[in-house]
Amino acid sequence: MPKRVAQGIVKSDKMDKTCVVEITRQVPHPKYGKIIRKRLICYAHDEANEASQGDTVEIIESQPMSKTKRWKLVKVVEKSREVDLAALRAARKEADEAAANAE
């Protein structure tokens, strides 16, 4: 049986060599026909820690690696374009302090 391949968005990358991927899909309600959004949360093995939060990634089914981890990261399809404002402000503050110390 072929392994399933899925594409989703990384919701968390705080664990070492693991990322949480959310796969969303839209399905019609069986009785009423209204389109409903459903999501699936997968824990994927990320050997090189290359995926970060907000990235679109491709994962493939694999043999179990732990109690919850059943997927492997194949590739990062698209990097996130979100800007971490707290990190940007901290870097700007450090640069201002370094410029003030240099004077």
PDB file of N, CA and C in Angstrom:
ATOM      1  N   MET A   1       0.831  -1.176   0.000  1.00  0.00           N
ATOM      2  CA  MET A   1       0.000   0.000   0.000  1.00  0.00           C
ATOM      3  C   MET A   1       0.883   1.249   0.000  1.00  0.00           C
ATOM      4  N   PRO A   2       0.603   2.234  -0.868  1.00  0.00           N
ATOM      5  CA  PRO A   2       1.445   3.429  -0.933  1.00  0.00           C
ATOM      6  C   PRO A   2       1.287   4.300   0.309  1.00  0.00           C
ATOM      7  N   LYS A   3       2.335   5.027   0.613  1.00  0.00           N
ATOM      8  CA  LYS A   3       2.304   5.921   1.761  1.00  0.00           C
ATOM      9  C   LYS A   3       1.577   7.205   1.383  1.00  0.00           C
ATOM     10  N   ARG A   4       0.804   7.724   2.328  1.00  0.00           N
ATOM     11  CA  ARG A   4       0.074   8.958   2.082  1.00  0.00           C
ATOM     12  C   ARG A   4       1.023  10.150   2.135  1.00  0.00           C
ATOM     13  N   VAL A   5       0.812  11.101   1.242  1.00  0.00           N
ATOM     14  CA  VAL A   5       1.564  12.349   1.225  1.00  0.00           C
ATOM     15  C   VAL A   5       0.561  13.465   1.466  1.00  0.00           C
ATOM     16  N   ALA A   6       0.901  14.394   2.353  1.00  0.00           N
ATOM     17  CA  ALA A   6      -0.013  15.477   2.691  1.00  0.00           C
ATOM     18  C   ALA A   6       0.747  16.793   2.744  1.00  0.00           C
ATOM     19  N   GLN A   7      -0.002  17.879   2.594  1.00  0.00           N
ATOM     20  CA  GLN A   7       0.579  19.210   2.663  1.00  0.00           C
ATOM     21  C   GLN A   7      -0.175  19.989   3.723  1.00  0.00           C
ATOM     22  N   GLY A   8       0.564  20.693   4.583  1.00  0.00           N
ATOM     23  CA  GLY A   8      -0.072  21.432   5.667  1.00  0.00           C
ATOM     24  C   GLY A   8       0.792  22.579   6.134  1.00  0.00           C
ATOM     25  N   ILE A   9       0.333  23.254   7.169  1.00  0.00           N
ATOM     26  CA  ILE A   9       1.023  24.416   7.723  1.00  0.00           C
ATOM     27  C   ILE A   9       1.575  24.054   9.090  1.00  0.00           C
ATOM     28  N   VAL A  10       2.817  24.441   9.348  1.00  0.00           N
ATOM     29  CA  VAL A  10       3.460  24.168  10.632  1.00  0.00           C
ATOM     30  C   VAL A  10       2.863  25.098  11.686  1.00  0.00           C
ATOM     31  N   LYS A  11       2.308  24.517  12.733  1.00  0.00           N
ATOM     32  CA  LYS A  11       1.712  25.294  13.815  1.00  0.00           C
ATOM     33  C   LYS A  11       2.679  25.475  14.973  1.00  0.00           C
ATOM     34  N   SER A  12       3.612  24.545  15.146  1.00  0.00           N
ATOM     35  CA  SER A  12       4.571  24.644  16.240  1.00  0.00           C
ATOM     36  C   SER A  12       5.859  23.939  15.845  1.00  0.00           C
ATOM     37  N   ASP A  13       6.975  24.549  16.217  1.00  0.00           N
ATOM     38  CA  ASP A  13       8.276  23.920  15.975  1.00  0.00           C
ATOM     39  C   ASP A  13       9.142  24.010  17.227  1.00  0.00           C
ATOM     40  N   LYS A  14       8.508  24.035  18.384  1.00  0.00           N
ATOM     41  CA  LYS A  14       9.222  24.218  19.646  1.00  0.00           C
ATOM     42  C   LYS A  14       9.959  22.969  20.112  1.00  0.00           C
ATOM     43  N   MET A  15       9.548  21.795  19.609  1.00  0.00           N
ATOM     44  CA  MET A  15      10.197  20.553  20.012  1.00  0.00           C
ATOM     45  C   MET A  15      11.433  20.299  19.145  1.00  0.00           C
ATOM     46  N   ASP A  16      12.372  19.551  19.669  1.00  0.00           N
ATOM     47  CA  ASP A  16      13.577  19.223  18.916  1.00  0.00           C
ATOM     48  C   ASP A  16      13.262  18.101  17.927  1.00  0.00           C
ATOM     49  N   LYS A  17      13.554  18.341  16.651  1.00  0.00           N
ATOM     50  CA  LYS A  17      13.382  17.377  15.560  1.00  0.00           C
ATOM     51  C   LYS A  17      11.919  16.960  15.354  1.00  0.00           C
ATOM     52  N   THR A  18      10.977  17.776  15.807  1.00  0.00           N
ATOM     53  CA  THR A  18       9.560  17.490  15.631  1.00  0.00           C
ATOM     54  C   THR A  18       8.829  18.786  15.333  1.00  0.00           C
ATOM     55  N   CYS A  19       7.872  18.725  14.429  1.00  0.00           N
ATOM     56  CA  CYS A  19       7.017  19.876  14.185  1.00  0.00           C
ATOM     57  C   CYS A  19       5.562  19.412  14.146  1.00  0.00           C
ATOM     58  N   VAL A  20       4.668  20.303  14.541  1.00  0.00           N
ATOM     59  CA  VAL A  20       3.246  20.023  14.532  1.00  0.00           C
ATOM     60  C   VAL A  20       2.678  20.629  13.257  1.00  0.00           C
ATOM     61  N   VAL A  21       2.073  19.778  12.426  1.00  0.00           N
ATOM     62  CA  VAL A  21       1.551  20.218  11.134  1.00  0.00           C
ATOM     63  C   VAL A  21       0.032  20.104  11.157  1.00  0.00           C
ATOM     64  N   GLU A  22      -0.641  21.164  10.722  1.00  0.00           N
ATOM     65  CA  GLU A  22      -2.094  21.161  10.645  1.00  0.00           C
ATOM     66  C   GLU A  22      -2.507  21.049   9.177  1.00  0.00           C
ATOM     67  N   ILE A  23      -3.288  20.022   8.874  1.00  0.00           N
ATOM     68  CA  ILE A  23      -3.783  19.803   7.528  1.00  0.00           C
ATOM     69  C   ILE A  23      -5.270  20.155   7.536  1.00  0.00           C
ATOM     70  N   THR A  24      -5.654  21.161   6.747  1.00  0.00           N
ATOM     71  CA  THR A  24      -7.049  21.587   6.706  1.00  0.00           C
ATOM     72  C   THR A  24      -7.688  21.117   5.409  1.00  0.00           C
ATOM     73  N   ARG A  25      -8.985  20.822   5.498  1.00  0.00           N
ATOM     74  CA  ARG A  25      -9.728  20.432   4.309  1.00  0.00           C
ATOM     75  C   ARG A  25     -11.165  20.881   4.488  1.00  0.00           C
ATOM     76  N   GLN A  26     -11.878  20.996   3.376  1.00  0.00           N
ATOM     77  CA  GLN A  26     -13.277  21.390   3.414  1.00  0.00           C
ATOM     78  C   GLN A  26     -14.129  20.242   2.888  1.00  0.00           C
ATOM     79  N   VAL A  27     -15.130  19.854   3.644  1.00  0.00           N
ATOM     80  CA  VAL A  27     -16.001  18.749   3.253  1.00  0.00           C
ATOM     81  C   VAL A  27     -17.454  19.179   3.428  1.00  0.00           C
ATOM     82  N   PRO A  28     -18.349  18.660   2.602  1.00  0.00           N
ATOM     83  CA  PRO A  28     -19.763  18.980   2.801  1.00  0.00           C
ATOM     84  C   PRO A  28     -20.352  18.172   3.961  1.00  0.00           C
ATOM     85  N   HIS A  29     -21.262  18.783   4.683  1.00  0.00           N
ATOM     86  CA  HIS A  29     -21.962  18.096   5.758  1.00  0.00           C
ATOM     87  C   HIS A  29     -22.786  16.965   5.143  1.00  0.00           C
ATOM     88  N   PRO A  30     -22.767  15.764   5.752  1.00  0.00           N
ATOM     89  CA  PRO A  30     -23.439  14.624   5.132  1.00  0.00           C
ATOM     90  C   PRO A  30     -24.951  14.818   4.937  1.00  0.00           C
ATOM     91  N   LYS A  31     -25.590  15.527   5.848  1.00  0.00           N
ATOM     92  CA  LYS A  31     -27.045  15.692   5.740  1.00  0.00           C
ATOM     93  C   LYS A  31     -27.455  17.025   5.108  1.00  0.00           C
ATOM     94  N   TYR A  32     -26.807  18.099   5.537  1.00  0.00           N
ATOM     95  CA  TYR A  32     -27.255  19.431   5.135  1.00  0.00           C
ATOM     96  C   TYR A  32     -26.482  20.005   3.946  1.00  0.00           C
ATOM     97  N   GLY A  33     -25.318  19.460   3.647  1.00  0.00           N
ATOM     98  CA  GLY A  33     -24.568  19.897   2.478  1.00  0.00           C
ATOM     99  C   GLY A  33     -23.741  21.151   2.669  1.00  0.00           C
ATOM    100  N   LYS A  34     -23.801  21.776   3.843  1.00  0.00           N
ATOM    101  CA  LYS A  34     -22.997  22.975   4.092  1.00  0.00           C
ATOM    102  C   LYS A  34     -21.523  22.595   4.131  1.00  0.00           C
ATOM    103  N   ILE A  35     -20.668  23.445   3.571  1.00  0.00           N
ATOM    104  CA  ILE A  35     -19.229  23.184   3.566  1.00  0.00           C
ATOM    105  C   ILE A  35     -18.669  23.457   4.961  1.00  0.00           C
ATOM    106  N   ILE A  36     -17.991  22.472   5.511  1.00  0.00           N
ATOM    107  CA  ILE A  36     -17.410  22.555   6.849  1.00  0.00           C
ATOM    108  C   ILE A  36     -15.902  22.417   6.740  1.00  0.00           C
ATOM    109  N   ARG A  37     -15.189  23.208   7.548  1.00  0.00           N
ATOM    110  CA  ARG A  37     -13.733  23.087   7.605  1.00  0.00           C
ATOM    111  C   ARG A  37     -13.352  22.060   8.648  1.00  0.00           C
ATOM    112  N   LYS A  38     -12.546  21.095   8.251  1.00  0.00           N
ATOM    113  CA  LYS A  38     -12.024  20.096   9.187  1.00  0.00           C
ATOM    114  C   LYS A  38     -10.514  20.190   9.179  1.00  0.00           C
ATOM    115  N   ARG A  39      -9.908  19.808  10.300  1.00  0.00           N
ATOM    116  CA  ARG A  39      -8.452  19.865  10.384  1.00  0.00           C
ATOM    117  C   ARG A  39      -7.926  18.602  11.032  1.00  0.00           C
ATOM    118  N   LEU A  40      -6.705  18.282  10.680  1.00  0.00           N
ATOM    119  CA  LEU A  40      -6.020  17.119  11.215  1.00  0.00           C
ATOM    120  C   LEU A  40      -4.662  17.598  11.725  1.00  0.00           C
ATOM    121  N   ILE A  41      -4.319  17.242  12.951  1.00  0.00           N
ATOM    122  CA  ILE A  41      -3.034  17.615  13.537  1.00  0.00           C
ATOM    123  C   ILE A  41      -2.106  16.412  13.453  1.00  0.00           C
ATOM    124  N   CYS A  42      -0.925  16.608  12.849  1.00  0.00           N
ATOM    125  CA  CYS A  42       0.063  15.536  12.699  1.00  0.00           C
ATOM    126  C   CYS A  42       1.383  15.982  13.311  1.00  0.00           C
ATOM    127  N   TYR A  43       2.046  15.071  13.975  1.00  0.00           N
ATOM    128  CA  TYR A  43       3.388  15.313  14.481  1.00  0.00           C
ATOM    129  C   TYR A  43       4.353  14.719  13.461  1.00  0.00           C
ATOM    130  N   ALA A  44       5.249  15.549  12.927  1.00  0.00           N
ATOM    131  CA  ALA A  44       6.156  15.103  11.878  1.00  0.00           C
ATOM    132  C   ALA A  44       7.602  15.189  12.349  1.00  0.00           C
ATOM    133  N   HIS A  45       8.406  14.217  11.910  1.00  0.00           N
ATOM    134  CA  HIS A  45       9.828  14.178  12.241  1.00  0.00           C
ATOM    135  C   HIS A  45      10.574  15.114  11.311  1.00  0.00           C
ATOM    136  N   ASP A  46      11.291  16.067  11.889  1.00  0.00           N
ATOM    137  CA  ASP A  46      12.062  17.062  11.138  1.00  0.00           C
ATOM    138  C   ASP A  46      13.514  16.945  11.572  1.00  0.00           C
ATOM    139  N   GLU A  47      14.268  16.098  10.897  1.00  0.00           N
ATOM    140  CA  GLU A  47      15.634  15.761  11.311  1.00  0.00           C
ATOM    141  C   GLU A  47      16.536  16.988  11.411  1.00  0.00           C
ATOM    142  N   ALA A  48      16.452  17.900  10.443  1.00  0.00           N
ATOM    143  CA  ALA A  48      17.373  19.050  10.406  1.00  0.00           C
ATOM    144  C   ALA A  48      16.780  20.300  11.053  1.00  0.00           C
ATOM    145  N   ASN A  49      15.607  20.201  11.657  1.00  0.00           N
ATOM    146  CA  ASN A  49      14.913  21.358  12.234  1.00  0.00           C
ATOM    147  C   ASN A  49      14.802  22.509  11.225  1.00  0.00           C
ATOM    148  N   GLU A  50      14.445  22.185   9.980  1.00  0.00           N
ATOM    149  CA  GLU A  50      14.398  23.201   8.928  1.00  0.00           C
ATOM    150  C   GLU A  50      13.051  23.913   8.833  1.00  0.00           C
ATOM    151  N   ALA A  51      11.989  23.330   9.343  1.00  0.00           N
ATOM    152  CA  ALA A  51      10.667  23.952   9.273  1.00  0.00           C
ATOM    153  C   ALA A  51      10.468  24.883  10.458  1.00  0.00           C
ATOM    154  N   SER A  52       9.829  26.017  10.196  1.00  0.00           N
ATOM    155  CA  SER A  52       9.517  26.948  11.270  1.00  0.00           C
ATOM    156  C   SER A  52       8.029  27.269  11.231  1.00  0.00           C
ATOM    157  N   GLN A  53       7.551  27.926  12.249  1.00  0.00           N
ATOM    158  CA  GLN A  53       6.121  28.168  12.387  1.00  0.00           C
ATOM    159  C   GLN A  53       5.603  28.992  11.213  1.00  0.00           C
ATOM    160  N   GLY A  54       4.482  28.553  10.631  1.00  0.00           N
ATOM    161  CA  GLY A  54       3.871  29.265   9.515  1.00  0.00           C
ATOM    162  C   GLY A  54       4.283  28.756   8.150  1.00  0.00           C
ATOM    163  N   ASP A  55       5.295  27.889   8.073  1.00  0.00           N
ATOM    164  CA  ASP A  55       5.751  27.347   6.792  1.00  0.00           C
ATOM    165  C   ASP A  55       4.738  26.343   6.247  1.00  0.00           C
ATOM    166  N   THR A  56       4.635  26.289   4.925  1.00  0.00           N
ATOM    167  CA  THR A  56       3.845  25.247   4.276  1.00  0.00           C
ATOM    168  C   THR A  56       4.796  24.105   3.966  1.00  0.00           C
ATOM    169  N   VAL A  57       4.470  22.898   4.428  1.00  0.00           N
ATOM    170  CA  VAL A  57       5.379  21.757   4.281  1.00  0.00           C
ATOM    171  C   VAL A  57       4.661  20.564   3.670  1.00  0.00           C
ATOM    172  N   GLU A  58       5.460  19.653   3.141  1.00  0.00           N
ATOM    173  CA  GLU A  58       4.947  18.391   2.624  1.00  0.00           C
ATOM    174  C   GLU A  58       5.467  17.285   3.526  1.00  0.00           C
ATOM    175  N   ILE A  59       4.542  16.414   3.993  1.00  0.00           N
ATOM    176  CA  ILE A  59       4.925  15.317   4.883  1.00  0.00           C
ATOM    177  C   ILE A  59       4.454  14.000   4.286  1.00  0.00           C
ATOM    178  N   ILE A  60       5.116  12.922   4.701  1.00  0.00           N
ATOM    179  CA  ILE A  60       4.778  11.589   4.212  1.00  0.00           C
ATOM    180  C   ILE A  60       4.605  10.656   5.401  1.00  0.00           C
ATOM    181  N   GLU A  61       3.710   9.720   5.262  1.00  0.00           N
ATOM    182  CA  GLU A  61       3.448   8.740   6.313  1.00  0.00           C
ATOM    183  C   GLU A  61       4.677   7.843   6.497  1.00  0.00           C
ATOM    184  N   SER A  62       4.966   7.463   7.735  1.00  0.00           N
ATOM    185  CA  SER A  62       6.111   6.589   7.994  1.00  0.00           C
ATOM    186  C   SER A  62       5.776   5.658   9.152  1.00  0.00           C
ATOM    187  N   GLN A  63       6.713   4.803   9.463  1.00  0.00           N
ATOM    188  CA  GLN A  63       6.506   3.911  10.599  1.00  0.00           C
ATOM    189  C   GLN A  63       6.554   4.735  11.890  1.00  0.00           C
ATOM    190  N   PRO A  64       5.913   4.286  12.945  1.00  0.00           N
ATOM    191  CA  PRO A  64       5.883   5.058  14.189  1.00  0.00           C
ATOM    192  C   PRO A  64       7.280   5.293  14.762  1.00  0.00           C
ATOM    193  N   MET A  65       7.539   6.555  15.138  1.00  0.00           N
ATOM    194  CA  MET A  65       8.818   6.905  15.742  1.00  0.00           C
ATOM    195  C   MET A  65       8.693   7.177  17.229  1.00  0.00           C
ATOM    196  N   SER A  66       7.482   7.436  17.663  1.00  0.00           N
ATOM    197  CA  SER A  66       7.210   7.637  19.085  1.00  0.00           C
ATOM    198  C   SER A  66       5.723   7.404  19.308  1.00  0.00           C
ATOM    199  N   LYS A  67       5.235   7.771  20.466  1.00  0.00           N
ATOM    200  CA  LYS A  67       3.826   7.543  20.780  1.00  0.00           C
ATOM    201  C   LYS A  67       2.902   8.296  19.808  1.00  0.00           C
ATOM    202  N   THR A  68       3.279   9.499  19.417  1.00  0.00           N
ATOM    203  CA  THR A  68       2.411  10.317  18.560  1.00  0.00           C
ATOM    204  C   THR A  68       2.972  10.579  17.166  1.00  0.00           C
ATOM    205  N   LYS A  69       4.268  10.419  16.971  1.00  0.00           N
ATOM    206  CA  LYS A  69       4.902  10.786  15.695  1.00  0.00           C
ATOM    207  C   LYS A  69       4.784   9.671  14.674  1.00  0.00           C
ATOM    208  N   ARG A  70       4.051   9.963  13.568  1.00  0.00           N
ATOM    209  CA  ARG A  70       3.820   8.960  12.521  1.00  0.00           C
ATOM    210  C   ARG A  70       4.117   9.495  11.123  1.00  0.00           C
ATOM    211  N   TRP A  71       4.683  10.697  11.019  1.00  0.00           N
ATOM    212  CA  TRP A  71       4.935  11.337   9.733  1.00  0.00           C
ATOM    213  C   TRP A  71       6.373  11.838   9.666  1.00  0.00           C
ATOM    214  N   LYS A  72       6.900  11.999   8.440  1.00  0.00           N
ATOM    215  CA  LYS A  72       8.234  12.564   8.218  1.00  0.00           C
ATOM    216  C   LYS A  72       8.113  13.774   7.314  1.00  0.00           C
ATOM    217  N   LEU A  73       8.933  14.769   7.569  1.00  0.00           N
ATOM    218  CA  LEU A  73       8.967  15.955   6.724  1.00  0.00           C
ATOM    219  C   LEU A  73       9.704  15.632   5.430  1.00  0.00           C
ATOM    220  N   VAL A  74       9.072  15.912   4.288  1.00  0.00           N
ATOM    221  CA  VAL A  74       9.713  15.684   2.995  1.00  0.00           C
ATOM    222  C   VAL A  74      10.437  16.944   2.558  1.00  0.00           C
ATOM    223  N   LYS A  75       9.711  18.075   2.524  1.00  0.00           N
ATOM    224  CA  LYS A  75      10.320  19.340   2.113  1.00  0.00           C
ATOM    225  C   LYS A  75       9.476  20.500   2.597  1.00  0.00           C
ATOM    226  N   VAL A  76      10.113  21.661   2.635  1.00  0.00           N
ATOM    227  CA  VAL A  76       9.419  22.902   2.942  1.00  0.00           C
ATOM    228  C   VAL A  76       8.997  23.489   1.601  1.00  0.00           C
ATOM    229  N   VAL A  77       7.687  23.551   1.368  1.00  0.00           N
ATOM    230  CA  VAL A  77       7.167  24.037   0.093  1.00  0.00           C
ATOM    231  C   VAL A  77       7.301  25.551   0.003  1.00  0.00           C
ATOM    232  N   GLU A  78       6.918  26.243   1.082  1.00  0.00           N
ATOM    233  CA  GLU A  78       6.971  27.701   1.086  1.00  0.00           C
ATOM    234  C   GLU A  78       7.300  28.197   2.486  1.00  0.00           C
ATOM    235  N   LYS A  79       8.274  29.081   2.589  1.00  0.00           N
ATOM    236  CA  LYS A  79       8.635  29.651   3.880  1.00  0.00           C
ATOM    237  C   LYS A  79       7.603  30.700   4.276  1.00  0.00           C
ATOM    238  N   SER A  80       7.423  30.872   5.556  1.00  0.00           N
ATOM    239  CA  SER A  80       6.466  31.838   6.080  1.00  0.00           C
ATOM    240  C   SER A  80       6.963  33.255   5.824  1.00  0.00           C
ATOM    241  N   ARG A  81       6.032  34.148   5.512  1.00  0.00           N
ATOM    242  CA  ARG A  81       6.396  35.545   5.301  1.00  0.00           C
ATOM    243  C   ARG A  81       6.046  36.406   6.498  1.00  0.00           C
ATOM    244  N   GLU A  82       5.621  35.748   7.584  1.00  0.00           N
ATOM    245  CA  GLU A  82       5.286  36.495   8.798  1.00  0.00           C
ATOM    246  C   GLU A  82       6.552  37.059   9.426  1.00  0.00           C
ATOM    247  N   VAL A  83       6.423  38.241  10.003  1.00  0.00           N
ATOM    248  CA  VAL A  83       7.553  38.893  10.647  1.00  0.00           C
ATOM    249  C   VAL A  83       7.339  38.831  12.153  1.00  0.00           C
ATOM    250  N   ASP A  84       8.353  38.370  12.879  1.00  0.00           N
ATOM    251  CA  ASP A  84       8.278  38.326  14.334  1.00  0.00           C
ATOM    252  C   ASP A  84       8.597  39.728  14.852  1.00  0.00           C
ATOM    253  N   LEU A  85       7.549  40.458  15.235  1.00  0.00           N
ATOM    254  CA  LEU A  85       7.734  41.854  15.635  1.00  0.00           C
ATOM    255  C   LEU A  85       8.573  41.994  16.895  1.00  0.00           C
ATOM    256  N   ALA A  86       8.430  41.085  17.836  1.00  0.00           N
ATOM    257  CA  ALA A  86       9.208  41.166  19.080  1.00  0.00           C
ATOM    258  C   ALA A  86      10.697  41.018  18.779  1.00  0.00           C
ATOM    259  N   ALA A  87      11.056  40.073  17.906  1.00  0.00           N
ATOM    260  CA  ALA A  87      12.463  39.884  17.553  1.00  0.00           C
ATOM    261  C   ALA A  87      12.987  41.082  16.770  1.00  0.00           C
ATOM    262  N   LEU A  88      12.150  41.647  15.904  1.00  0.00           N
ATOM    263  CA  LEU A  88      12.554  42.814  15.110  1.00  0.00           C
ATOM    264  C   LEU A  88      12.811  44.009  16.014  1.00  0.00           C
ATOM    265  N   ARG A  89      11.934  44.232  16.996  1.00  0.00           N
ATOM    266  CA  ARG A  89      12.130  45.349  17.928  1.00  0.00           C
ATOM    267  C   ARG A  89      13.368  45.140  18.786  1.00  0.00           C
ATOM    268  N   ALA A  90      13.611  43.905  19.232  1.00  0.00           N
ATOM    269  CA  ALA A  90      14.793  43.623  20.054  1.00  0.00           C
ATOM    270  C   ALA A  90      16.072  43.859  19.248  1.00  0.00           C
ATOM    271  N   ALA A  91      16.086  43.445  17.988  1.00  0.00           N
ATOM    272  CA  ALA A  91      17.268  43.647  17.143  1.00  0.00           C
ATOM    273  C   ALA A  91      17.498  45.130  16.891  1.00  0.00           C
ATOM    274  N   ARG A  92      16.416  45.874  16.673  1.00  0.00           N
ATOM    275  CA  ARG A  92      16.541  47.316  16.442  1.00  0.00           C
ATOM    276  C   ARG A  92      17.051  48.016  17.695  1.00  0.00           C
ATOM    277  N   LYS A  93      16.572  47.573  18.871  1.00  0.00           N
ATOM    278  CA  LYS A  93      17.006  48.172  20.132  1.00  0.00           C
ATOM    279  C   LYS A  93      18.491  47.903  20.370  1.00  0.00           C
ATOM    280  N   GLU A  94      18.941  46.668  20.097  1.00  0.00           N
ATOM    281  CA  GLU A  94      20.364  46.330  20.222  1.00  0.00           C
ATOM    282  C   GLU A  94      21.224  47.175  19.285  1.00  0.00           C
ATOM    283  N   ALA A  95      20.747  47.384  18.064  1.00  0.00           N
ATOM    284  CA  ALA A  95      21.501  48.187  17.093  1.00  0.00           C
ATOM    285  C   ALA A  95      21.592  49.650  17.556  1.00  0.00           C
ATOM    286  N   ASP A  96      20.506  50.182  18.121  1.00  0.00           N
ATOM    287  CA  ASP A  96      20.520  51.543  18.643  1.00  0.00           C
ATOM    288  C   ASP A  96      21.475  51.680  19.819  1.00  0.00           C
ATOM    289  N   GLU A  97      21.481  50.677  20.713  1.00  0.00           N
ATOM    290  CA  GLU A  97      22.397  50.703  21.854  1.00  0.00           C
ATOM    291  C   GLU A  97      23.847  50.600  21.412  1.00  0.00           C
ATOM    292  N   ALA A  98      24.104  49.760  20.412  1.00  0.00           N
ATOM    293  CA  ALA A  98      25.478  49.636  19.896  1.00  0.00           C
ATOM    294  C   ALA A  98      25.932  50.933  19.236  1.00  0.00           C
ATOM    295  N   ALA A  99      25.026  51.595  18.544  1.00  0.00           N
ATOM    296  CA  ALA A  99      25.379  52.882  17.908  1.00  0.00           C
ATOM    297  C   ALA A  99      25.624  53.942  18.969  1.00  0.00           C
ATOM    298  N   ALA A 100      24.829  53.924  20.059  1.00  0.00           N
ATOM    299  CA  ALA A 100      25.018  54.910  21.139  1.00  0.00           C
ATOM    300  C   ALA A 100      26.337  54.641  21.868  1.00  0.00           C
ATOM    301  N   ASN A 101      26.728  53.392  22.041  1.00  0.00           N
ATOM    302  CA  ASN A 101      27.988  53.064  22.718  1.00  0.00           C
ATOM    303  C   ASN A 101      29.177  53.408  21.841  1.00  0.00           C
ATOM    304  N   ALA A 102      29.032  53.342  20.539  1.00  0.00           N
ATOM    305  CA  ALA A 102      30.122  53.641  19.619  1.00  0.00           C
ATOM    306  C   ALA A 102      30.430  55.135  19.594  1.00  0.00           C
ATOM    307  N   GLU A 103      29.433  55.959  19.893  1.00  0.00           N
ATOM    308  CA  GLU A 103      29.647  57.418  19.894  1.00  0.00           C
ATOM    309  C   GLU A 103      30.305  57.874  21.115  1.00  0.00           C
TER     310      GLU A 103
END
